[in-house]
Amino acid sequence: MNRLITILTAMLILLQSINIHFTDLVELGQLVEHYKFHSEEYGDNFTVFLSKHYGELKASHSQKHQEEQKDHEKLPFQHQSQCFQQLVFVMDSNPFMGSRSEIPVAQKGNFHYQMSDSQVWGDGLFQPPKQA
């Protein structure tokens, strides 16, 4: 059962990411019926049919065939959507770490620096220039 839920969730995320809605999948039957109508009535193959309804010939086809407008509105993938995301950053004057908490915050550092006696850090490659 977990695998089925995982697969269905992954498919939902995939379809939404490429902008295919559930209603588009339900309306695929309308697409097949309208394609059959075009192939019988006008002799269109599938690429011409797609061009007439989703491509270059869409404007001229909808002007010539106003009587099919109701059928065209029922076809899938006709929705227009725009993605607008607004990012908001809020700078608070009270920092999060300054708030009261049950866990004590240690202010003292638990470290100290001791100069190494290694030859790597001596007069050599890792030293800054002495004259500018």
C-alpha atoms as a PDB file:
ATOM      1  CA  MET A   1       0.000   0.000   0.000  1.00  0.00           C
ATOM      2  CA  ASN A   2       2.896   2.351   0.789  1.00  0.00           C
ATOM      3  CA  ARG A   3       4.387   1.733  -2.630  1.00  0.00           C
ATOM      4  CA  LEU A   4       1.111   2.541  -4.340  1.00  0.00           C
ATOM      5  CA  ILE A   5       0.749   5.810  -2.430  1.00  0.00           C
ATOM      6  CA  THR A   6       4.354   6.695  -3.181  1.00  0.00           C
ATOM      7  CA  ILE A   7       3.942   5.988  -6.890  1.00  0.00           C
ATOM      8  CA  LEU A   8       0.687   7.973  -7.096  1.00  0.00           C
ATOM      9  CA  THR A   9       2.234  10.919  -5.247  1.00  0.00           C
ATOM     10  CA  ALA A  10       5.280  10.862  -7.541  1.00  0.00           C
ATOM     11  CA  MET A  11       3.032  10.782 -10.617  1.00  0.00           C
ATOM     12  CA  LEU A  12       0.970  13.687  -9.261  1.00  0.00           C
ATOM     13  CA  ILE A  13       4.110  15.771  -8.697  1.00  0.00           C
ATOM     14  CA  LEU A  14       5.425  14.896 -12.164  1.00  0.00           C
ATOM     15  CA  LEU A  15       2.168  15.818 -13.907  1.00  0.00           C
ATOM     16  CA  GLN A  16       1.839  19.071 -11.995  1.00  0.00           C
ATOM     17  CA  SER A  17       5.428  20.017 -12.779  1.00  0.00           C
ATOM     18  CA  ILE A  18       4.776  19.759 -16.521  1.00  0.00           C
ATOM     19  CA  ASN A  19       1.439  21.604 -16.095  1.00  0.00           C
ATOM     20  CA  ILE A  20      -0.944  18.720 -16.766  1.00  0.00           C
ATOM     21  CA  HIS A  21      -4.030  18.865 -14.581  1.00  0.00           C
ATOM     22  CA  PHE A  22      -6.365  16.064 -13.583  1.00  0.00           C
ATOM     23  CA  THR A  23      -9.138  17.610 -15.684  1.00  0.00           C
ATOM     24  CA  ASP A  24      -6.875  17.323 -18.733  1.00  0.00           C
ATOM     25  CA  LEU A  25      -6.620  13.584 -18.189  1.00  0.00           C
ATOM     26  CA  VAL A  26     -10.401  13.325 -17.849  1.00  0.00           C
ATOM     27  CA  GLU A  27     -10.914  15.300 -21.091  1.00  0.00           C
ATOM     28  CA  LEU A  28      -8.648  13.035 -23.183  1.00  0.00           C
ATOM     29  CA  GLY A  29     -11.800  11.209 -24.373  1.00  0.00           C
ATOM     30  CA  GLN A  30     -13.046  14.485 -25.873  1.00  0.00           C
ATOM     31  CA  LEU A  31      -9.712  14.859 -27.680  1.00  0.00           C
ATOM     32  CA  VAL A  32     -10.026  11.380 -29.227  1.00  0.00           C
ATOM     33  CA  GLU A  33     -13.642  11.979 -30.264  1.00  0.00           C
ATOM     34  CA  HIS A  34     -12.809  15.342 -31.848  1.00  0.00           C
ATOM     35  CA  TYR A  35      -9.819  13.811 -33.649  1.00  0.00           C
ATOM     36  CA  LYS A  36     -12.078  11.100 -35.100  1.00  0.00           C
ATOM     37  CA  PHE A  37     -14.490  13.818 -36.267  1.00  0.00           C
ATOM     38  CA  HIS A  38     -11.643  15.711 -37.981  1.00  0.00           C
ATOM     39  CA  SER A  39     -10.223  12.598 -39.621  1.00  0.00           C
ATOM     40  CA  GLU A  40     -13.660  11.623 -41.030  1.00  0.00           C
ATOM     41  CA  GLU A  41     -14.859  15.134 -41.937  1.00  0.00           C
ATOM     42  CA  TYR A  42     -11.660  16.820 -43.161  1.00  0.00           C
ATOM     43  CA  GLY A  43      -9.229  13.906 -43.632  1.00  0.00           C
ATOM     44  CA  ASP A  44      -6.720  15.377 -41.145  1.00  0.00           C
ATOM     45  CA  ASN A  45      -3.946  13.272 -39.713  1.00  0.00           C
ATOM     46  CA  PHE A  46      -2.947  13.652 -36.066  1.00  0.00           C
ATOM     47  CA  THR A  47      -0.187  16.251 -36.632  1.00  0.00           C
ATOM     48  CA  VAL A  48      -2.501  18.487 -38.682  1.00  0.00           C
ATOM     49  CA  PHE A  49      -5.190  18.051 -36.014  1.00  0.00           C
ATOM     50  CA  LEU A  50      -2.755  19.123 -33.285  1.00  0.00           C
ATOM     51  CA  SER A  51      -1.615  22.084 -35.372  1.00  0.00           C
ATOM     52  CA  LYS A  52      -5.223  23.186 -35.910  1.00  0.00           C
ATOM     53  CA  HIS A  53      -6.067  23.047 -32.202  1.00  0.00           C
ATOM     54  CA  TYR A  54      -2.780  23.773 -30.415  1.00  0.00           C
ATOM     55  CA  GLY A  55      -0.336  25.124 -32.989  1.00  0.00           C
ATOM     56  CA  GLU A  56       0.108  27.495 -35.918  1.00  0.00           C
ATOM     57  CA  LEU A  57      -3.249  26.846 -37.586  1.00  0.00           C
ATOM     58  CA  LYS A  58      -5.309  27.425 -34.423  1.00  0.00           C
ATOM     59  CA  ALA A  59      -6.361  31.020 -35.206  1.00  0.00           C
ATOM     60  CA  SER A  60      -7.400  30.319 -38.792  1.00  0.00           C
ATOM     61  CA  HIS A  61      -9.224  27.108 -37.838  1.00  0.00           C
ATOM     62  CA  SER A  62     -11.257  28.788 -35.098  1.00  0.00           C
ATOM     63  CA  GLN A  63     -12.206  31.645 -37.469  1.00  0.00           C
ATOM     64  CA  LYS A  64     -13.327  29.301 -40.241  1.00  0.00           C
ATOM     65  CA  HIS A  65     -15.232  26.873 -38.021  1.00  0.00           C
ATOM     66  CA  GLN A  66     -17.194  28.879 -35.471  1.00  0.00           C
ATOM     67  CA  GLU A  67     -19.770  26.088 -35.192  1.00  0.00           C
ATOM     68  CA  GLU A  68     -17.165  23.832 -33.522  1.00  0.00           C
ATOM     69  CA  GLN A  69     -16.317  26.388 -30.821  1.00  0.00           C
ATOM     70  CA  LYS A  70     -18.189  24.495 -28.082  1.00  0.00           C
ATOM     71  CA  ASP A  71     -16.284  21.322 -28.947  1.00  0.00           C
ATOM     72  CA  HIS A  72     -12.991  23.221 -28.918  1.00  0.00           C
ATOM     73  CA  GLU A  73     -13.661  24.535 -25.422  1.00  0.00           C
ATOM     74  CA  LYS A  74     -14.070  20.963 -24.141  1.00  0.00           C
ATOM     75  CA  LEU A  75     -10.634  19.878 -25.389  1.00  0.00           C
ATOM     76  CA  PRO A  76      -7.871  19.315 -22.814  1.00  0.00           C
ATOM     77  CA  PHE A  77      -4.787  21.490 -22.366  1.00  0.00           C
ATOM     78  CA  GLN A  78      -6.671  24.713 -23.099  1.00  0.00           C
ATOM     79  CA  HIS A  79      -5.982  26.397 -19.777  1.00  0.00           C
ATOM     80  CA  GLN A  80      -3.675  29.353 -19.423  1.00  0.00           C
ATOM     81  CA  SER A  81      -1.640  29.487 -16.269  1.00  0.00           C
ATOM     82  CA  GLN A  82       1.104  31.712 -15.037  1.00  0.00           C
ATOM     83  CA  CYS A  83       3.371  31.035 -12.133  1.00  0.00           C
ATOM     84  CA  PHE A  84       4.063  33.996  -9.907  1.00  0.00           C
ATOM     85  CA  GLN A  85       6.043  33.476  -6.785  1.00  0.00           C
ATOM     86  CA  GLN A  86       6.898  36.312  -4.520  1.00  0.00           C
ATOM     87  CA  LEU A  87       9.726  35.856  -2.086  1.00  0.00           C
ATOM     88  CA  VAL A  88       9.579  37.875   1.088  1.00  0.00           C
ATOM     89  CA  PHE A  89      12.432  38.196   3.533  1.00  0.00           C
ATOM     90  CA  VAL A  90      11.615  39.596   6.938  1.00  0.00           C
ATOM     91  CA  MET A  91      14.409  41.021   9.025  1.00  0.00           C
ATOM     92  CA  ASP A  92      13.445  40.978  12.684  1.00  0.00           C
ATOM     93  CA  SER A  93      15.146  43.217  15.203  1.00  0.00           C
ATOM     94  CA  ASN A  94      15.036  40.430  17.802  1.00  0.00           C
ATOM     95  CA  PRO A  95      17.259  37.588  16.663  1.00  0.00           C
ATOM     96  CA  PHE A  96      15.994  34.046  17.059  1.00  0.00           C
ATOM     97  CA  MET A  97      18.923  32.987  19.248  1.00  0.00           C
ATOM     98  CA  GLY A  98      18.229  35.858  21.616  1.00  0.00           C
ATOM     99  CA  SER A  99      14.817  34.493  22.501  1.00  0.00           C
ATOM    100  CA  ARG A 100      14.144  32.601  25.690  1.00  0.00           C
ATOM    101  CA  SER A 101      14.530  28.890  25.472  1.00  0.00           C
ATOM    102  CA  GLU A 102      14.764  26.002  27.874  1.00  0.00           C
ATOM    103  CA  ILE A 103      18.130  25.007  26.444  1.00  0.00           C
ATOM    104  CA  PRO A 104      20.908  27.197  27.830  1.00  0.00           C
ATOM    105  CA  VAL A 105      23.044  28.880  25.213  1.00  0.00           C
ATOM    106  CA  ALA A 106      26.752  28.748  26.040  1.00  0.00           C
ATOM    107  CA  GLN A 107      28.457  32.090  25.506  1.00  0.00           C
ATOM    108  CA  LYS A 108      32.014  31.003  26.254  1.00  0.00           C
ATOM    109  CA  GLY A 109      34.099  29.451  23.534  1.00  0.00           C
ATOM    110  CA  ASN A 110      35.590  26.058  24.170  1.00  0.00           C
ATOM    111  CA  PHE A 111      38.752  26.471  22.101  1.00  0.00           C
ATOM    112  CA  HIS A 112      42.136  28.182  22.024  1.00  0.00           C
ATOM    113  CA  TYR A 113      44.782  28.637  19.373  1.00  0.00           C
ATOM    114  CA  GLN A 114      48.324  27.428  19.719  1.00  0.00           C
ATOM    115  CA  MET A 115      51.027  28.179  17.156  1.00  0.00           C
ATOM    116  CA  SER A 116      52.195  25.050  15.364  1.00  0.00           C
ATOM    117  CA  ASP A 117      55.842  23.997  15.339  1.00  0.00           C
ATOM    118  CA  SER A 118      55.424  22.310  11.961  1.00  0.00           C
ATOM    119  CA  GLN A 119      57.778  23.194   9.106  1.00  0.00           C
ATOM    120  CA  VAL A 120      54.853  23.577   6.702  1.00  0.00           C
ATOM    121  CA  TRP A 121      53.979  26.943   8.193  1.00  0.00           C
ATOM    122  CA  GLY A 122      57.525  28.239   8.313  1.00  0.00           C
ATOM    123  CA  ASP A 123      59.210  30.438   5.713  1.00  0.00           C
ATOM    124  CA  GLY A 124      57.679  29.125   2.548  1.00  0.00           C
ATOM    125  CA  LEU A 125      54.736  28.867   0.264  1.00  0.00           C
ATOM    126  CA  PHE A 126      51.893  29.490   2.737  1.00  0.00           C
ATOM    127  CA  GLN A 127      53.154  32.821   4.089  1.00  0.00           C
ATOM    128  CA  PRO A 128      51.812  36.182   2.919  1.00  0.00           C
ATOM    129  CA  PRO A 129      54.144  38.453   0.971  1.00  0.00           C
ATOM    130  CA  LYS A 130      56.493  40.509   3.151  1.00  0.00           C
ATOM    131  CA  GLN A 131      56.588  43.545   0.865  1.00  0.00           C
ATOM    132  CA  ALA A 132      53.780  45.004  -1.113  1.00  0.00           C
END
